[in-house]
């Protein structure tokens, strides 16, 4: 098939990157060099990764920077909730995924996250199924099996509680589970 002279063929799968919602991943660290690279590789699909480090004495900061993360060192420890809010305040994306340094996003979860942030008018927060491990083995029974926690949310629509430990994400509205 011929095209008129001077016309430009648009690839069907090309999106205007500036028009799509941006995704930030945030995490807090302290001496997490042992598993950080695996975690950061699993979220390399994000537009930005923000790490707030609490004064690591291992290679955590260097590994995070080498992976392209924006790193801020905040050695004073205000507690989990406030430290996560520091990371949240540095995020610039439309959506935020909060992850712990010992966690990994699977390819299936990555696809679900990207679909959720690109779906117009959807919820402002999503719960994610978490597979907990103890002593290096996945839990098969008990209350933590199939645990669902809010980890993906629109920036500006949620904040972490100020709890020193067992912080939670405070948001309005429903938080459907990503599958």
Protein backbone atom coordinates (compact mmCIF):
# COMPACT_ATOMS: atom_id res chain seq x y z
CA UNK A 1 0.00 0.00 0.00
CA UNK A 2 1.39 3.39 -0.86
CA UNK A 3 1.18 6.53 1.24
CA UNK A 4 0.83 10.07 -0.04
CA UNK A 5 4.14 11.89 -0.33
CA UNK A 6 5.10 13.67 2.87
CA UNK A 7 2.84 11.59 5.11
CA UNK A 8 4.28 10.02 8.23
CA UNK A 9 3.36 6.54 9.31
CA UNK A 10 2.53 6.35 13.02
CA UNK A 11 3.44 3.11 14.76
CA UNK A 12 0.25 1.66 16.29
CA UNK A 13 1.80 0.84 19.68
CA UNK A 14 3.50 4.18 20.26
CA UNK A 15 2.03 6.24 23.11
CA UNK A 16 2.71 9.82 23.96
CA UNK A 17 4.88 9.23 27.03
CA UNK A 18 4.09 12.70 28.39
CA UNK A 19 0.36 11.90 28.37
CA UNK A 20 0.53 8.70 30.39
CA UNK A 21 0.50 8.77 34.20
CA UNK A 22 3.95 8.60 35.80
CA UNK A 23 4.74 5.97 38.43
CA UNK A 24 7.11 6.53 41.36
CA UNK A 25 8.38 3.71 43.55
CA UNK A 26 9.36 4.63 47.09
CA UNK A 27 11.25 2.65 49.69
CA UNK A 28 13.11 3.22 52.90
CA UNK A 29 16.35 1.43 53.70
CA UNK A 30 18.89 0.68 56.38
CA UNK A 31 21.69 -1.76 55.57
CA UNK A 32 19.73 -3.54 52.83
CA UNK A 33 22.61 -4.23 50.43
CA UNK A 34 22.06 -7.99 50.61
CA UNK A 35 18.76 -7.91 48.69
CA UNK A 36 18.35 -4.42 47.35
CA UNK A 37 19.49 -5.07 43.78
CA UNK A 38 16.86 -7.77 43.33
CA UNK A 39 14.16 -5.46 44.67
CA UNK A 40 15.21 -2.54 42.46
CA UNK A 41 15.44 -4.70 39.32
CA UNK A 42 11.86 -5.81 39.91
CA UNK A 43 10.62 -2.19 39.81
CA UNK A 44 12.77 -0.92 36.94
CA UNK A 45 9.57 -0.33 34.94
CA UNK A 46 8.77 2.72 37.10
CA UNK A 47 9.44 6.25 35.94
CA UNK A 48 11.41 6.98 39.10
CA UNK A 49 12.63 5.19 42.19
CA UNK A 50 13.06 7.15 45.42
CA UNK A 51 15.07 5.70 48.29
CA UNK A 52 15.28 7.32 51.70
CA UNK A 53 18.13 5.71 53.58
CA UNK A 54 18.46 5.83 57.35
CA UNK A 55 22.27 5.94 57.51
CA UNK A 56 23.35 2.59 56.12
CA UNK A 57 26.89 1.45 56.82
CA UNK A 58 26.95 -1.11 53.99
CA UNK A 59 26.70 -0.55 50.22
CA UNK A 60 22.96 0.22 50.23
CA UNK A 61 23.27 3.84 49.11
CA UNK A 62 25.82 3.07 46.38
CA UNK A 63 23.72 0.18 45.04
CA UNK A 64 20.57 2.30 44.96
CA UNK A 65 22.33 5.11 43.11
CA UNK A 66 23.91 2.65 40.67
CA UNK A 67 20.40 1.35 39.90
CA UNK A 68 19.32 4.90 39.02
CA UNK A 69 17.39 5.65 42.18
CA UNK A 70 17.24 9.11 43.65
CA UNK A 71 18.64 8.68 47.16
CA UNK A 72 18.23 10.89 50.21
CA UNK A 73 20.01 10.02 53.45
CA UNK A 74 17.98 10.90 56.54
CA UNK A 75 19.87 9.32 59.42
CA UNK A 76 17.61 10.64 62.16
CA UNK A 77 14.97 7.96 62.72
CA UNK A 78 11.44 9.36 63.18
CA UNK A 79 9.76 5.96 62.78
CA UNK A 80 8.49 3.94 59.83
CA UNK A 81 5.47 6.08 58.99
CA UNK A 82 7.29 9.40 59.02
CA UNK A 83 10.30 8.00 57.14
CA UNK A 84 8.00 6.65 54.44
CA UNK A 85 6.30 10.05 54.24
CA UNK A 86 9.73 11.59 53.63
CA UNK A 87 10.12 9.29 50.64
CA UNK A 88 6.57 10.09 49.53
CA UNK A 89 7.32 13.82 49.69
CA UNK A 90 10.23 13.32 47.27
CA UNK A 91 8.15 11.35 44.74
CA UNK A 92 7.01 13.23 41.64
CA UNK A 93 4.88 10.62 39.86
CA UNK A 94 1.11 10.70 39.54
CA UNK A 95 1.01 7.27 41.19
CA UNK A 96 3.16 5.83 43.96
CA UNK A 97 4.08 2.24 44.73
CA UNK A 98 5.48 1.74 48.22
CA UNK A 99 7.63 -1.34 48.55
CA UNK A 100 9.95 -2.75 51.20
CA UNK A 101 13.57 -3.42 50.31
CA UNK A 102 13.14 -7.16 50.83
CA UNK A 103 10.17 -7.40 48.49
CA UNK A 104 10.01 -8.16 44.77
CA UNK A 105 7.36 -7.21 42.20
CA UNK A 106 6.55 -10.20 39.99
CA UNK A 107 6.00 -9.74 36.23
CA UNK A 108 2.27 -10.40 36.72
CA UNK A 109 2.02 -7.78 39.43
CA UNK A 110 3.99 -5.33 37.26
CA UNK A 111 1.43 -5.77 34.48
CA UNK A 112 -1.47 -5.28 36.92
CA UNK A 113 0.14 -2.12 38.36
CA UNK A 114 0.70 -0.61 34.92
CA UNK A 115 -2.86 -1.44 33.85
CA UNK A 116 -4.28 0.13 37.03
CA UNK A 117 -2.39 3.41 36.74
CA UNK A 118 -3.32 3.77 33.09
CA UNK A 119 -7.04 3.10 33.62
CA UNK A 120 -8.83 6.47 33.75
CA UNK A 121 -11.29 7.08 36.58
CA UNK A 122 -10.34 3.99 38.52
CA UNK A 123 -9.78 3.86 42.29
CA UNK A 124 -7.25 6.11 44.03
CA UNK A 125 -5.65 3.23 45.95
CA UNK A 126 -5.13 -0.48 45.43
CA UNK A 127 -4.35 -3.39 47.71
CA UNK A 128 -1.73 -5.88 46.64
CA UNK A 129 -1.59 -9.54 47.61
CA UNK A 130 1.54 -10.26 49.57
CA UNK A 131 3.18 -13.63 49.94
CA UNK A 132 4.89 -13.60 53.31
CA UNK A 133 7.87 -15.75 54.15
CA UNK A 134 9.29 -16.96 57.42
CA UNK A 135 12.80 -18.39 57.71
CA UNK A 136 13.11 -18.15 53.94
CA UNK A 137 10.00 -20.21 53.20
CA UNK A 138 6.58 -18.97 52.02
CA UNK A 139 3.84 -19.24 54.63
CA UNK A 140 1.19 -21.76 53.65
CA UNK A 141 -1.19 -21.39 56.60
CA UNK A 142 -2.31 -18.72 59.06
CA UNK A 143 -3.51 -15.15 59.12
CA UNK A 144 -0.75 -13.80 56.89
CA UNK A 145 -1.64 -16.12 54.03
CA UNK A 146 -3.12 -14.02 51.23
CA UNK A 147 -2.39 -10.81 53.13
CA UNK A 148 -3.54 -7.75 51.13
CA UNK A 149 -2.00 -4.37 51.84
CA UNK A 150 -2.53 -0.95 50.27
CA UNK A 151 0.69 -0.19 48.42
CA UNK A 152 -0.33 1.55 45.18
CA UNK A 153 -2.02 4.94 45.33
CA UNK A 154 -2.41 8.30 43.63
CA UNK A 155 0.10 10.79 44.95
CA UNK A 156 -1.69 13.40 47.03
CA UNK A 157 -4.55 11.06 47.94
CA UNK A 158 -2.85 9.12 50.76
CA UNK A 159 -0.24 9.49 53.50
CA UNK A 160 1.36 7.08 55.90
CA UNK A 161 0.30 7.20 59.53
CA UNK A 162 2.86 8.67 61.93
CA UNK A 163 3.16 5.36 63.76
CA UNK A 164 6.71 4.48 64.76
CA UNK A 165 6.05 0.82 63.85
CA UNK A 166 3.17 -0.91 62.07
CA UNK A 167 2.47 2.18 59.97
CA UNK A 168 -0.43 2.06 57.57
CA UNK A 169 -1.47 4.00 54.52
CA UNK A 170 -4.32 6.39 55.28
CA UNK A 171 -6.62 7.08 52.31
CA UNK A 172 -10.26 7.70 51.50
CA UNK A 173 -12.44 5.44 49.42
CA UNK A 174 -12.24 1.84 48.38
CA UNK A 175 -8.99 0.04 47.61
CA UNK A 176 -9.69 -2.87 45.28
CA UNK A 177 -7.25 -5.76 45.13
CA UNK A 178 -4.96 -5.91 42.10
CA UNK A 179 -4.98 -9.32 40.47
